[in-house]
């Protein structure tokens, strides 16, 4: 499911609201290990666009 989530987030990254909505949903239903991987990947991939928002979703 993590790979599906990554693919989806890449597709909706053009829209901040949609991106954050999908990121929050994904963070809620992924297990702890995949949640950590998603956090790292999101920050690496989208930090330049949504870094502060991503940190807020993952409370870091």
C-alpha atoms as a PDB file:
ATOM      1  CA  UNK A   1       0.000   0.000   0.000  1.00  0.00           C
ATOM      2  CA  UNK A   2       2.916   2.333   0.568  1.00  0.00           C
ATOM      3  CA  UNK A   3       3.838   2.309  -3.119  1.00  0.00           C
ATOM      4  CA  UNK A   4       0.245   3.067  -4.068  1.00  0.00           C
ATOM      5  CA  UNK A   5       0.239   5.974  -1.606  1.00  0.00           C
ATOM      6  CA  UNK A   6       3.443   7.381  -3.073  1.00  0.00           C
ATOM      7  CA  UNK A   7       2.010   7.158  -6.569  1.00  0.00           C
ATOM      8  CA  UNK A   8      -1.192   8.877  -5.510  1.00  0.00           C
ATOM      9  CA  UNK A   9       0.640  11.680  -3.729  1.00  0.00           C
ATOM     10  CA  UNK A  10       2.782  12.341  -6.780  1.00  0.00           C
ATOM     11  CA  UNK A  11      -0.355  12.634  -8.903  1.00  0.00           C
ATOM     12  CA  UNK A  12      -2.076  15.123  -6.575  1.00  0.00           C
ATOM     13  CA  UNK A  13       1.000  17.133  -5.588  1.00  0.00           C
ATOM     14  CA  UNK A  14      -0.046  20.011  -7.848  1.00  0.00           C
ATOM     15  CA  UNK A  15      -2.825  20.897  -5.377  1.00  0.00           C
ATOM     16  CA  UNK A  16      -1.802  21.635  -1.778  1.00  0.00           C
ATOM     17  CA  UNK A  17      -5.218  20.902  -0.276  1.00  0.00           C
ATOM     18  CA  UNK A  18      -5.650  17.600  -2.075  1.00  0.00           C
ATOM     19  CA  UNK A  19      -2.077  16.576  -1.322  1.00  0.00           C
ATOM     20  CA  UNK A  20      -2.513  17.221   2.405  1.00  0.00           C
ATOM     21  CA  UNK A  21      -5.878  15.476   2.502  1.00  0.00           C
ATOM     22  CA  UNK A  22      -4.398  12.327   0.945  1.00  0.00           C
ATOM     23  CA  UNK A  23      -1.269  12.509   3.084  1.00  0.00           C
ATOM     24  CA  UNK A  24      -3.345  12.693   6.277  1.00  0.00           C
ATOM     25  CA  UNK A  25      -5.553   9.793   5.214  1.00  0.00           C
ATOM     26  CA  UNK A  26      -2.538   7.687   4.327  1.00  0.00           C
ATOM     27  CA  UNK A  27      -0.731   8.494   7.556  1.00  0.00           C
ATOM     28  CA  UNK A  28      -3.800   7.364   9.503  1.00  0.00           C
ATOM     29  CA  UNK A  29      -4.217   3.966   7.891  1.00  0.00           C
ATOM     30  CA  UNK A  30      -0.606   2.879   7.378  1.00  0.00           C
ATOM     31  CA  UNK A  31       1.120   0.837  10.069  1.00  0.00           C
ATOM     32  CA  UNK A  32       3.851   2.490  12.133  1.00  0.00           C
ATOM     33  CA  UNK A  33       6.734   1.217   9.988  1.00  0.00           C
ATOM     34  CA  UNK A  34       5.213   2.339   6.693  1.00  0.00           C
ATOM     35  CA  UNK A  35       4.138   5.609   8.286  1.00  0.00           C
ATOM     36  CA  UNK A  36       7.804   6.340   9.056  1.00  0.00           C
ATOM     37  CA  UNK A  37       8.795   5.460   5.508  1.00  0.00           C
ATOM     38  CA  UNK A  38       6.055   7.699   4.131  1.00  0.00           C
ATOM     39  CA  UNK A  39       7.238  10.572   6.310  1.00  0.00           C
ATOM     40  CA  UNK A  40      10.831  10.224   5.109  1.00  0.00           C
ATOM     41  CA  UNK A  41       9.825   9.875   1.475  1.00  0.00           C
ATOM     42  CA  UNK A  42       7.399  12.818   1.647  1.00  0.00           C
ATOM     43  CA  UNK A  43       9.982  15.102   3.188  1.00  0.00           C
ATOM     44  CA  UNK A  44      12.622  14.063   0.673  1.00  0.00           C
ATOM     45  CA  UNK A  45      10.317  14.380  -2.322  1.00  0.00           C
ATOM     46  CA  UNK A  46       8.104  17.348  -1.460  1.00  0.00           C
ATOM     47  CA  UNK A  47       9.991  19.362   1.157  1.00  0.00           C
ATOM     48  CA  UNK A  48      10.519  22.231  -1.264  1.00  0.00           C
ATOM     49  CA  UNK A  49       6.750  22.511  -1.770  1.00  0.00           C
ATOM     50  CA  UNK A  50       5.095  21.406   1.460  1.00  0.00           C
ATOM     51  CA  UNK A  51       7.829  20.824   4.042  1.00  0.00           C
ATOM     52  CA  UNK A  52       6.132  22.653   6.907  1.00  0.00           C
ATOM     53  CA  UNK A  53       2.787  21.016   6.163  1.00  0.00           C
ATOM     54  CA  UNK A  54       4.299  17.533   6.007  1.00  0.00           C
ATOM     55  CA  UNK A  55       6.027  18.050   9.352  1.00  0.00           C
ATOM     56  CA  UNK A  56       2.719  19.176  10.821  1.00  0.00           C
ATOM     57  CA  UNK A  57       0.923  16.054   9.557  1.00  0.00           C
ATOM     58  CA  UNK A  58       3.539  13.849  11.190  1.00  0.00           C
ATOM     59  CA  UNK A  59       3.943  16.130  14.254  1.00  0.00           C
ATOM     60  CA  UNK A  60       7.705  16.499  13.923  1.00  0.00           C
END
